[in-house]
């Protein structure tokens, strides 16, 4: 259990491309004692309330999760940015915040600016809305989750093929019914997240490679706990690491088609930036 104090705390925001492992990281943080919302989705480990705010910003920008760049253009217009940010502030202050806080938290904390325990939220869309959250909550810390672009693209493609006949599903993406386009979407998210983390610096942002977390969970869970301000407890770290499946790292190696795509893309800028131009010792793309 995390002890409470009278010191108010800013949020920890988990960002990164869809299908990159943000849900795993958010789940680990929640299990470690970071409050990630009373309304946290049981599968995706994200607060429905915070997700709704990011979706609202995307709607104002005429963006979608698979077409996020209009949010960047919204932020570039000072007049529109100011108006949307004020609207976001009002939404965060509304009574509906009870959904995130839960009744007990709502009664004891009242406001998200009065939080006296580690807390945060996860949403891949926050990769693009982050500048607004940083202004609303100075001192926000960011966990940027990165996974190799080939596995992300394949995971996006698989999900969209599975739900392509859900014609009334607003989250459905025709863009991601193509492997190359899915890879291009990964680039957009990674570039945005990279720039945000670099601008914040090491004290306020940490980047976690999904594959590193899977293959060496003890080390990287300990790094995460230290970053968010939780004390090191080896037994807790070991418990959190116990259920992690290292076999999911670099899953593309089992597919000839994906191995070919990897050979074509491994020298791309963002693959190289995160060390994906080379595979771990003892493995091969062939």
C-alpha atoms as a PDB file:
ATOM      1  CA  UNK A   1       0.000   0.000   0.000  1.00  0.00           C
ATOM      2  CA  UNK A   2       1.191   3.493  -0.795  1.00  0.00           C
ATOM      3  CA  UNK A   3       1.147   5.814   2.153  1.00  0.00           C
ATOM      4  CA  UNK A   4      -0.626   9.121   1.744  1.00  0.00           C
ATOM      5  CA  UNK A   5       0.791  12.497   2.680  1.00  0.00           C
ATOM      6  CA  UNK A   6      -0.329  16.102   2.644  1.00  0.00           C
ATOM      7  CA  UNK A   7       1.742  16.775  -0.462  1.00  0.00           C
ATOM      8  CA  UNK A   8      -0.311  17.182  -3.631  1.00  0.00           C
ATOM      9  CA  UNK A   9       0.810  15.179  -6.633  1.00  0.00           C
ATOM     10  CA  UNK A  10       0.638  15.722 -10.370  1.00  0.00           C
ATOM     11  CA  UNK A  11      -0.377  12.839 -12.630  1.00  0.00           C
ATOM     12  CA  UNK A  12       1.694  10.172 -14.309  1.00  0.00           C
ATOM     13  CA  UNK A  13       0.564   9.928 -17.939  1.00  0.00           C
ATOM     14  CA  UNK A  14       1.266   6.787 -19.955  1.00  0.00           C
ATOM     15  CA  UNK A  15       1.567   7.501 -23.676  1.00  0.00           C
ATOM     16  CA  UNK A  16       2.618   5.600 -26.787  1.00  0.00           C
ATOM     17  CA  UNK A  17       1.187   4.146 -29.973  1.00  0.00           C
ATOM     18  CA  UNK A  18      -1.832   1.884 -29.843  1.00  0.00           C
ATOM     19  CA  UNK A  19      -0.826  -1.793 -29.439  1.00  0.00           C
ATOM     20  CA  UNK A  20       2.584  -0.797 -28.032  1.00  0.00           C
ATOM     21  CA  UNK A  21       2.210  -2.143 -24.510  1.00  0.00           C
ATOM     22  CA  UNK A  22       0.710   0.917 -22.812  1.00  0.00           C
ATOM     23  CA  UNK A  23      -1.970  -1.295 -21.228  1.00  0.00           C
ATOM     24  CA  UNK A  24       0.671  -3.555 -19.687  1.00  0.00           C
ATOM     25  CA  UNK A  25       2.563  -0.591 -18.239  1.00  0.00           C
ATOM     26  CA  UNK A  26      -0.613   1.022 -16.887  1.00  0.00           C
ATOM     27  CA  UNK A  27      -1.641  -2.281 -15.321  1.00  0.00           C
ATOM     28  CA  UNK A  28       1.765  -2.670 -13.661  1.00  0.00           C
ATOM     29  CA  UNK A  29       1.573   0.863 -12.268  1.00  0.00           C
ATOM     30  CA  UNK A  30      -1.929   0.261 -10.926  1.00  0.00           C
ATOM     31  CA  UNK A  31      -0.898  -3.000  -9.267  1.00  0.00           C
ATOM     32  CA  UNK A  32       2.133  -1.247  -7.791  1.00  0.00           C
ATOM     33  CA  UNK A  33      -0.047   1.350  -6.081  1.00  0.00           C
ATOM     34  CA  UNK A  34      -0.549   4.173  -8.582  1.00  0.00           C
ATOM     35  CA  UNK A  35      -4.224   5.149  -8.709  1.00  0.00           C
ATOM     36  CA  UNK A  36      -5.211   4.906 -12.401  1.00  0.00           C
ATOM     37  CA  UNK A  37      -8.926   5.559 -11.951  1.00  0.00           C
ATOM     38  CA  UNK A  38     -11.939   3.981 -10.279  1.00  0.00           C
ATOM     39  CA  UNK A  39     -13.385   3.635 -13.776  1.00  0.00           C
ATOM     40  CA  UNK A  40     -10.373   1.804 -15.231  1.00  0.00           C
ATOM     41  CA  UNK A  41     -11.227  -0.487 -18.148  1.00  0.00           C
ATOM     42  CA  UNK A  42     -10.514  -4.063 -17.092  1.00  0.00           C
ATOM     43  CA  UNK A  43      -8.793  -4.951 -20.398  1.00  0.00           C
ATOM     44  CA  UNK A  44      -7.158  -1.736 -21.586  1.00  0.00           C
ATOM     45  CA  UNK A  45      -6.265  -0.365 -18.133  1.00  0.00           C
ATOM     46  CA  UNK A  46      -7.392   3.141 -19.026  1.00  0.00           C
ATOM     47  CA  UNK A  47      -9.783   5.518 -17.315  1.00  0.00           C
ATOM     48  CA  UNK A  48     -12.958   5.889 -19.357  1.00  0.00           C
ATOM     49  CA  UNK A  49     -13.328   9.412 -17.972  1.00  0.00           C
ATOM     50  CA  UNK A  50      -9.907  10.634 -19.118  1.00  0.00           C
ATOM     51  CA  UNK A  51     -10.345   8.759 -22.382  1.00  0.00           C
ATOM     52  CA  UNK A  52     -13.534  10.739 -22.938  1.00  0.00           C
ATOM     53  CA  UNK A  53     -11.650  14.027 -22.556  1.00  0.00           C
ATOM     54  CA  UNK A  54      -9.015  13.032 -25.096  1.00  0.00           C
ATOM     55  CA  UNK A  55     -11.732  11.879 -27.488  1.00  0.00           C
ATOM     56  CA  UNK A  56     -13.389  15.284 -27.059  1.00  0.00           C
ATOM     57  CA  UNK A  57     -10.180  17.085 -28.038  1.00  0.00           C
ATOM     58  CA  UNK A  58      -9.799  14.756 -31.032  1.00  0.00           C
ATOM     59  CA  UNK A  59     -13.393  15.496 -32.035  1.00  0.00           C
ATOM     60  CA  UNK A  60     -12.801  19.258 -31.894  1.00  0.00           C
ATOM     61  CA  UNK A  61      -9.720  18.800 -34.095  1.00  0.00           C
ATOM     62  CA  UNK A  62     -11.621  16.501 -36.498  1.00  0.00           C
ATOM     63  CA  UNK A  63      -9.065  13.818 -35.667  1.00  0.00           C
ATOM     64  CA  UNK A  64      -9.371  10.106 -34.917  1.00  0.00           C
ATOM     65  CA  UNK A  65      -7.119   7.661 -33.092  1.00  0.00           C
ATOM     66  CA  UNK A  66      -5.874   6.497 -36.509  1.00  0.00           C
ATOM     67  CA  UNK A  67      -5.656  10.051 -37.939  1.00  0.00           C
ATOM     68  CA  UNK A  68      -4.120  11.981 -35.036  1.00  0.00           C
ATOM     69  CA  UNK A  69      -2.172  14.746 -36.770  1.00  0.00           C
ATOM     70  CA  UNK A  70      -5.059  17.300 -36.785  1.00  0.00           C
ATOM     71  CA  UNK A  71      -4.566  17.555 -33.006  1.00  0.00           C
ATOM     72  CA  UNK A  72      -1.080  18.863 -33.667  1.00  0.00           C
ATOM     73  CA  UNK A  73      -2.549  21.486 -35.990  1.00  0.00           C
ATOM     74  CA  UNK A  74      -5.114  22.466 -33.339  1.00  0.00           C
ATOM     75  CA  UNK A  75      -2.289  23.060 -30.869  1.00  0.00           C
ATOM     76  CA  UNK A  76      -0.485  25.268 -33.384  1.00  0.00           C
ATOM     77  CA  UNK A  77      -3.395  27.751 -33.494  1.00  0.00           C
ATOM     78  CA  UNK A  78      -3.177  29.855 -30.332  1.00  0.00           C
ATOM     79  CA  UNK A  79      -6.807  31.020 -30.385  1.00  0.00           C
ATOM     80  CA  UNK A  80      -8.265  27.554 -30.911  1.00  0.00           C
ATOM     81  CA  UNK A  81      -5.781  25.969 -28.521  1.00  0.00           C
ATOM     82  CA  UNK A  82      -6.687  28.413 -25.738  1.00  0.00           C
ATOM     83  CA  UNK A  83     -10.418  27.858 -26.216  1.00  0.00           C
ATOM     84  CA  UNK A  84     -10.114  24.070 -26.215  1.00  0.00           C
ATOM     85  CA  UNK A  85      -7.796  24.089 -23.212  1.00  0.00           C
ATOM     86  CA  UNK A  86     -10.285  26.166 -21.238  1.00  0.00           C
ATOM     87  CA  UNK A  87     -13.029  23.747 -22.219  1.00  0.00           C
ATOM     88  CA  UNK A  88     -10.854  20.869 -21.069  1.00  0.00           C
ATOM     89  CA  UNK A  89     -10.234  22.570 -17.727  1.00  0.00           C
ATOM     90  CA  UNK A  90     -13.968  22.989 -17.192  1.00  0.00           C
ATOM     91  CA  UNK A  91     -14.583  19.345 -18.058  1.00  0.00           C
ATOM     92  CA  UNK A  92     -11.943  18.200 -15.581  1.00  0.00           C
ATOM     93  CA  UNK A  93     -13.490  20.358 -12.844  1.00  0.00           C
ATOM     94  CA  UNK A  94     -17.016  19.081 -13.502  1.00  0.00           C
ATOM     95  CA  UNK A  95     -18.907  16.820 -11.108  1.00  0.00           C
ATOM     96  CA  UNK A  96     -18.320  13.940 -13.509  1.00  0.00           C
ATOM     97  CA  UNK A  97     -14.784  13.685 -12.066  1.00  0.00           C
ATOM     98  CA  UNK A  98     -16.424  11.418  -9.496  1.00  0.00           C
ATOM     99  CA  UNK A  99     -16.277   8.675 -12.148  1.00  0.00           C
ATOM    100  CA  UNK A 100     -12.477   8.771 -12.077  1.00  0.00           C
ATOM    101  CA  UNK A 101     -12.075   9.387  -8.349  1.00  0.00           C
ATOM    102  CA  UNK A 102     -14.797   7.021  -7.143  1.00  0.00           C
ATOM    103  CA  UNK A 103     -17.094   8.128  -4.339  1.00  0.00           C
ATOM    104  CA  UNK A 104     -14.499   7.657  -1.603  1.00  0.00           C
ATOM    105  CA  UNK A 105     -11.859   9.592  -3.539  1.00  0.00           C
ATOM    106  CA  UNK A 106     -14.368  12.251  -4.509  1.00  0.00           C
ATOM    107  CA  UNK A 107     -15.293  12.857  -0.898  1.00  0.00           C
ATOM    108  CA  UNK A 108     -11.710  12.857   0.400  1.00  0.00           C
ATOM    109  CA  UNK A 109      -9.882  14.590  -2.469  1.00  0.00           C
ATOM    110  CA  UNK A 110     -12.637  16.662  -4.095  1.00  0.00           C
ATOM    111  CA  UNK A 111     -10.313  17.902  -6.832  1.00  0.00           C
ATOM    112  CA  UNK A 112      -7.641  16.400  -9.048  1.00  0.00           C
ATOM    113  CA  UNK A 113      -5.424  19.285  -7.975  1.00  0.00           C
ATOM    114  CA  UNK A 114      -5.634  17.998  -4.386  1.00  0.00           C
ATOM    115  CA  UNK A 115      -4.464  14.436  -5.005  1.00  0.00           C
ATOM    116  CA  UNK A 116      -2.112  13.302  -2.245  1.00  0.00           C
ATOM    117  CA  UNK A 117      -1.192   9.881  -3.600  1.00  0.00           C
ATOM    118  CA  UNK A 118       0.464   8.684  -6.815  1.00  0.00           C
ATOM    119  CA  UNK A 119      -2.100   8.800  -9.604  1.00  0.00           C
ATOM    120  CA  UNK A 120      -2.343   9.004 -13.345  1.00  0.00           C
ATOM    121  CA  UNK A 121      -3.995   7.783 -16.489  1.00  0.00           C
ATOM    122  CA  UNK A 122      -3.156   6.003 -19.716  1.00  0.00           C
ATOM    123  CA  UNK A 123      -4.375   6.784 -23.214  1.00  0.00           C
ATOM    124  CA  UNK A 124      -2.461   6.486 -26.493  1.00  0.00           C
ATOM    125  CA  UNK A 125      -4.311   9.614 -27.691  1.00  0.00           C
ATOM    126  CA  UNK A 126      -2.608  11.541 -24.895  1.00  0.00           C
ATOM    127  CA  UNK A 127       0.556  11.243 -26.980  1.00  0.00           C
ATOM    128  CA  UNK A 128      -0.947  14.119 -28.980  1.00  0.00           C
ATOM    129  CA  UNK A 129      -3.046  15.903 -26.329  1.00  0.00           C
ATOM    130  CA  UNK A 130      -0.168  15.890 -23.827  1.00  0.00           C
ATOM    131  CA  UNK A 131       0.697  19.619 -24.150  1.00  0.00           C
ATOM    132  CA  UNK A 132      -2.744  20.495 -22.768  1.00  0.00           C
ATOM    133  CA  UNK A 133      -2.420  18.101 -19.847  1.00  0.00           C
ATOM    134  CA  UNK A 134       1.012  19.503 -19.058  1.00  0.00           C
ATOM    135  CA  UNK A 135      -0.420  23.002 -18.800  1.00  0.00           C
ATOM    136  CA  UNK A 136      -3.390  21.850 -16.726  1.00  0.00           C
ATOM    137  CA  UNK A 137      -1.186  19.837 -14.385  1.00  0.00           C
ATOM    138  CA  UNK A 138       2.307  21.326 -14.064  1.00  0.00           C
ATOM    139  CA  UNK A 139       4.759  18.725 -12.833  1.00  0.00           C
ATOM    140  CA  UNK A 140       3.152  15.907 -14.805  1.00  0.00           C
ATOM    141  CA  UNK A 141       5.466  12.957 -15.389  1.00  0.00           C
ATOM    142  CA  UNK A 142       5.282  10.928 -18.578  1.00  0.00           C
ATOM    143  CA  UNK A 143       5.943   7.260 -19.304  1.00  0.00           C
ATOM    144  CA  UNK A 144       6.477   6.837 -23.048  1.00  0.00           C
ATOM    145  CA  UNK A 145       6.041   3.215 -24.137  1.00  0.00           C
ATOM    146  CA  UNK A 146       7.654   2.090 -27.381  1.00  0.00           C
ATOM    147  CA  UNK A 147       7.368  -1.205 -29.252  1.00  0.00           C
ATOM    148  CA  UNK A 148       8.946  -2.151 -32.570  1.00  0.00           C
ATOM    149  CA  UNK A 149       6.925  -0.892 -35.510  1.00  0.00           C
ATOM    150  CA  UNK A 150       6.532  -4.278 -37.194  1.00  0.00           C
ATOM    151  CA  UNK A 151       4.747  -5.895 -34.259  1.00  0.00           C
ATOM    152  CA  UNK A 152       2.619  -2.784 -33.729  1.00  0.00           C
ATOM    153  CA  UNK A 153       1.586  -2.718 -37.383  1.00  0.00           C
ATOM    154  CA  UNK A 154       0.727  -6.428 -37.363  1.00  0.00           C
ATOM    155  CA  UNK A 155      -1.256  -6.086 -34.136  1.00  0.00           C
ATOM    156  CA  UNK A 156      -3.226  -3.150 -35.535  1.00  0.00           C
ATOM    157  CA  UNK A 157      -3.928  -5.062 -38.736  1.00  0.00           C
ATOM    158  CA  UNK A 158      -5.075  -8.158 -36.847  1.00  0.00           C
ATOM    159  CA  UNK A 159      -7.435  -6.162 -34.648  1.00  0.00           C
ATOM    160  CA  UNK A 160      -8.981  -4.286 -37.551  1.00  0.00           C
ATOM    161  CA  UNK A 161      -9.475  -7.450 -39.596  1.00  0.00           C
ATOM    162  CA  UNK A 162     -11.273  -8.935 -36.617  1.00  0.00           C
ATOM    163  CA  UNK A 163     -13.712  -6.035 -36.331  1.00  0.00           C
ATOM    164  CA  UNK A 164     -13.986  -4.846 -39.937  1.00  0.00           C
ATOM    165  CA  UNK A 165     -17.589  -6.075 -40.259  1.00  0.00           C
ATOM    166  CA  UNK A 166     -18.665  -4.197 -37.117  1.00  0.00           C
ATOM    167  CA  UNK A 167     -20.061  -1.527 -39.388  1.00  0.00           C
ATOM    168  CA  UNK A 168     -21.505   0.616 -36.595  1.00  0.00           C
ATOM    169  CA  UNK A 169     -18.318   0.521 -34.514  1.00  0.00           C
ATOM    170  CA  UNK A 170     -16.974   4.107 -34.563  1.00  0.00           C
ATOM    171  CA  UNK A 171     -13.486   2.946 -33.566  1.00  0.00           C
ATOM    172  CA  UNK A 172     -13.124   0.756 -36.640  1.00  0.00           C
ATOM    173  CA  UNK A 173     -10.214   1.752 -38.894  1.00  0.00           C
ATOM    174  CA  UNK A 174     -10.014   1.163 -42.624  1.00  0.00           C
ATOM    175  CA  UNK A 175      -6.572   2.767 -42.586  1.00  0.00           C
ATOM    176  CA  UNK A 176      -5.187  -0.049 -40.446  1.00  0.00           C
ATOM    177  CA  UNK A 177      -6.465  -2.778 -42.759  1.00  0.00           C
ATOM    178  CA  UNK A 178      -3.123  -2.405 -44.489  1.00  0.00           C
ATOM    179  CA  UNK A 179       0.226  -3.333 -42.942  1.00  0.00           C
ATOM    180  CA  UNK A 180       2.212  -0.451 -44.472  1.00  0.00           C
ATOM    181  CA  UNK A 181      -0.378   2.127 -43.431  1.00  0.00           C
ATOM    182  CA  UNK A 182      -0.432   0.690 -39.915  1.00  0.00           C
ATOM    183  CA  UNK A 183       3.344   1.024 -39.813  1.00  0.00           C
ATOM    184  CA  UNK A 184       3.003   4.635 -40.924  1.00  0.00           C
ATOM    185  CA  UNK A 185       0.608   5.313 -38.056  1.00  0.00           C
ATOM    186  CA  UNK A 186       3.182   3.872 -35.650  1.00  0.00           C
ATOM    187  CA  UNK A 187       5.706   6.391 -36.973  1.00  0.00           C
ATOM    188  CA  UNK A 188       3.334   9.292 -36.262  1.00  0.00           C
ATOM    189  CA  UNK A 189       2.837   8.234 -32.649  1.00  0.00           C
ATOM    190  CA  UNK A 190       6.489   7.406 -31.995  1.00  0.00           C
ATOM    191  CA  UNK A 191       7.683  10.713 -33.409  1.00  0.00           C
ATOM    192  CA  UNK A 192       5.193  12.662 -31.292  1.00  0.00           C
ATOM    193  CA  UNK A 193       6.001  10.719 -28.138  1.00  0.00           C
ATOM    194  CA  UNK A 194       9.733  10.985 -28.712  1.00  0.00           C
ATOM    195  CA  UNK A 195       9.596  14.765 -29.100  1.00  0.00           C
ATOM    196  CA  UNK A 196       7.448  15.117 -25.977  1.00  0.00           C
ATOM    197  CA  UNK A 197       9.753  12.958 -23.850  1.00  0.00           C
ATOM    198  CA  UNK A 198      12.864  14.722 -25.139  1.00  0.00           C
ATOM    199  CA  UNK A 199      11.399  18.152 -24.370  1.00  0.00           C
ATOM    200  CA  UNK A 200      10.484  17.127 -20.816  1.00  0.00           C
ATOM    201  CA  UNK A 201      13.874  15.643 -19.980  1.00  0.00           C
ATOM    202  CA  UNK A 202      14.875  12.690 -17.828  1.00  0.00           C
ATOM    203  CA  UNK A 203      13.383  14.040 -14.592  1.00  0.00           C
ATOM    204  CA  UNK A 204       9.883  14.274 -16.033  1.00  0.00           C
ATOM    205  CA  UNK A 205       9.806  11.574 -18.703  1.00  0.00           C
ATOM    206  CA  UNK A 206      10.998   8.021 -19.092  1.00  0.00           C
ATOM    207  CA  UNK A 207      10.865   5.829 -22.191  1.00  0.00           C
ATOM    208  CA  UNK A 208      10.189   2.114 -21.771  1.00  0.00           C
ATOM    209  CA  UNK A 209      10.748  -0.328 -24.600  1.00  0.00           C
ATOM    210  CA  UNK A 210       8.049  -2.987 -24.478  1.00  0.00           C
ATOM    211  CA  UNK A 211      10.520  -5.692 -25.450  1.00  0.00           C
ATOM    212  CA  UNK A 212      12.932  -4.729 -22.660  1.00  0.00           C
ATOM    213  CA  UNK A 213      10.094  -4.896 -20.161  1.00  0.00           C
ATOM    214  CA  UNK A 214       9.152  -8.384 -21.363  1.00  0.00           C
ATOM    215  CA  UNK A 215      12.691  -9.775 -21.473  1.00  0.00           C
ATOM    216  CA  UNK A 216      14.018  -8.164 -18.293  1.00  0.00           C
ATOM    217  CA  UNK A 217      10.951  -7.329 -16.195  1.00  0.00           C
ATOM    218  CA  UNK A 218      12.692  -7.131 -12.812  1.00  0.00           C
ATOM    219  CA  UNK A 219      15.030  -4.371 -13.941  1.00  0.00           C
ATOM    220  CA  UNK A 220      12.491  -2.308 -15.831  1.00  0.00           C
ATOM    221  CA  UNK A 221       9.696  -2.589 -13.289  1.00  0.00           C
ATOM    222  CA  UNK A 222      12.163  -1.335 -10.693  1.00  0.00           C
ATOM    223  CA  UNK A 223      13.009   1.611 -12.973  1.00  0.00           C
ATOM    224  CA  UNK A 224       9.317   2.414 -13.394  1.00  0.00           C
ATOM    225  CA  UNK A 225       8.672   2.286  -9.663  1.00  0.00           C
ATOM    226  CA  UNK A 226      11.582   4.606  -8.963  1.00  0.00           C
ATOM    227  CA  UNK A 227      10.464   7.047 -11.659  1.00  0.00           C
ATOM    228  CA  UNK A 228       6.930   7.372 -10.273  1.00  0.00           C
ATOM    229  CA  UNK A 229       8.231   7.752  -6.721  1.00  0.00           C
ATOM    230  CA  UNK A 230       7.403   4.355  -5.248  1.00  0.00           C
ATOM    231  CA  UNK A 231       9.888   2.780  -2.811  1.00  0.00           C
ATOM    232  CA  UNK A 232      11.829  -0.240  -3.987  1.00  0.00           C
ATOM    233  CA  UNK A 233      10.450  -3.484  -2.623  1.00  0.00           C
ATOM    234  CA  UNK A 234      12.001  -6.536  -4.218  1.00  0.00           C
ATOM    235  CA  UNK A 235       9.123  -8.830  -3.293  1.00  0.00           C
ATOM    236  CA  UNK A 236       6.640  -6.488  -4.979  1.00  0.00           C
ATOM    237  CA  UNK A 237       8.806  -6.220  -8.102  1.00  0.00           C
ATOM    238  CA  UNK A 238       9.095  -9.997  -8.304  1.00  0.00           C
ATOM    239  CA  UNK A 239       5.340 -10.407  -7.899  1.00  0.00           C
ATOM    240  CA  UNK A 240       4.644  -7.912 -10.691  1.00  0.00           C
ATOM    241  CA  UNK A 241       7.175  -9.593 -12.981  1.00  0.00           C
ATOM    242  CA  UNK A 242       5.848 -13.104 -12.416  1.00  0.00           C
ATOM    243  CA  UNK A 243       3.049 -12.967 -14.991  1.00  0.00           C
ATOM    244  CA  UNK A 244       4.979 -11.333 -17.840  1.00  0.00           C
ATOM    245  CA  UNK A 245       5.467 -13.467 -20.962  1.00  0.00           C
ATOM    246  CA  UNK A 246       8.867 -12.796 -22.543  1.00  0.00           C
ATOM    247  CA  UNK A 247       7.856 -14.825 -25.594  1.00  0.00           C
ATOM    248  CA  UNK A 248       5.798 -11.914 -26.903  1.00  0.00           C
ATOM    249  CA  UNK A 249       8.915  -9.838 -27.593  1.00  0.00           C
ATOM    250  CA  UNK A 250       9.722  -9.452 -31.297  1.00  0.00           C
ATOM    251  CA  UNK A 251       6.774 -11.669 -32.251  1.00  0.00           C
ATOM    252  CA  UNK A 252       7.244 -10.825 -35.937  1.00  0.00           C
ATOM    253  CA  UNK A 253      10.123 -13.301 -36.141  1.00  0.00           C
ATOM    254  CA  UNK A 254       7.642 -16.171 -36.466  1.00  0.00           C
ATOM    255  CA  UNK A 255       6.234 -14.826 -39.764  1.00  0.00           C
ATOM    256  CA  UNK A 256       8.124 -14.849 -43.081  1.00  0.00           C
ATOM    257  CA  UNK A 257       6.072 -11.899 -44.343  1.00  0.00           C
ATOM    258  CA  UNK A 258       6.807  -9.833 -41.251  1.00  0.00           C
ATOM    259  CA  UNK A 259      10.486 -10.764 -41.268  1.00  0.00           C
ATOM    260  CA  UNK A 260      10.649  -9.446 -44.838  1.00  0.00           C
ATOM    261  CA  UNK A 261       8.992  -6.204 -43.798  1.00  0.00           C
ATOM    262  CA  UNK A 262      11.438  -5.925 -40.908  1.00  0.00           C
ATOM    263  CA  UNK A 263      14.412  -6.267 -43.278  1.00  0.00           C
ATOM    264  CA  UNK A 264      12.951  -3.476 -45.394  1.00  0.00           C
ATOM    265  CA  UNK A 265      12.209  -1.174 -42.462  1.00  0.00           C
ATOM    266  CA  UNK A 266      14.822  -1.910 -39.798  1.00  0.00           C
ATOM    267  CA  UNK A 267      17.020   0.999 -40.925  1.00  0.00           C
ATOM    268  CA  UNK A 268      14.191   3.540 -40.859  1.00  0.00           C
ATOM    269  CA  UNK A 269      14.785   6.571 -38.651  1.00  0.00           C
ATOM    270  CA  UNK A 270      12.482   5.621 -35.789  1.00  0.00           C
ATOM    271  CA  UNK A 271      13.365   1.942 -35.844  1.00  0.00           C
ATOM    272  CA  UNK A 272      17.035   2.903 -35.485  1.00  0.00           C
ATOM    273  CA  UNK A 273      16.284   5.575 -32.874  1.00  0.00           C
ATOM    274  CA  UNK A 274      15.035   2.917 -30.468  1.00  0.00           C
ATOM    275  CA  UNK A 275      17.534   0.218 -31.347  1.00  0.00           C
ATOM    276  CA  UNK A 276      15.208  -1.848 -33.510  1.00  0.00           C
ATOM    277  CA  UNK A 277      17.698  -1.928 -36.367  1.00  0.00           C
ATOM    278  CA  UNK A 278      19.307  -4.861 -34.562  1.00  0.00           C
ATOM    279  CA  UNK A 279      17.816  -7.836 -32.780  1.00  0.00           C
ATOM    280  CA  UNK A 280      18.907  -9.172 -29.381  1.00  0.00           C
ATOM    281  CA  UNK A 281      21.844 -11.613 -29.306  1.00  0.00           C
ATOM    282  CA  UNK A 282      20.843 -15.147 -30.107  1.00  0.00           C
ATOM    283  CA  UNK A 283      17.872 -14.156 -32.285  1.00  0.00           C
ATOM    284  CA  UNK A 284      17.562 -13.612 -35.982  1.00  0.00           C
ATOM    285  CA  UNK A 285      15.078 -12.078 -38.389  1.00  0.00           C
ATOM    286  CA  UNK A 286      15.691 -14.940 -40.802  1.00  0.00           C
END
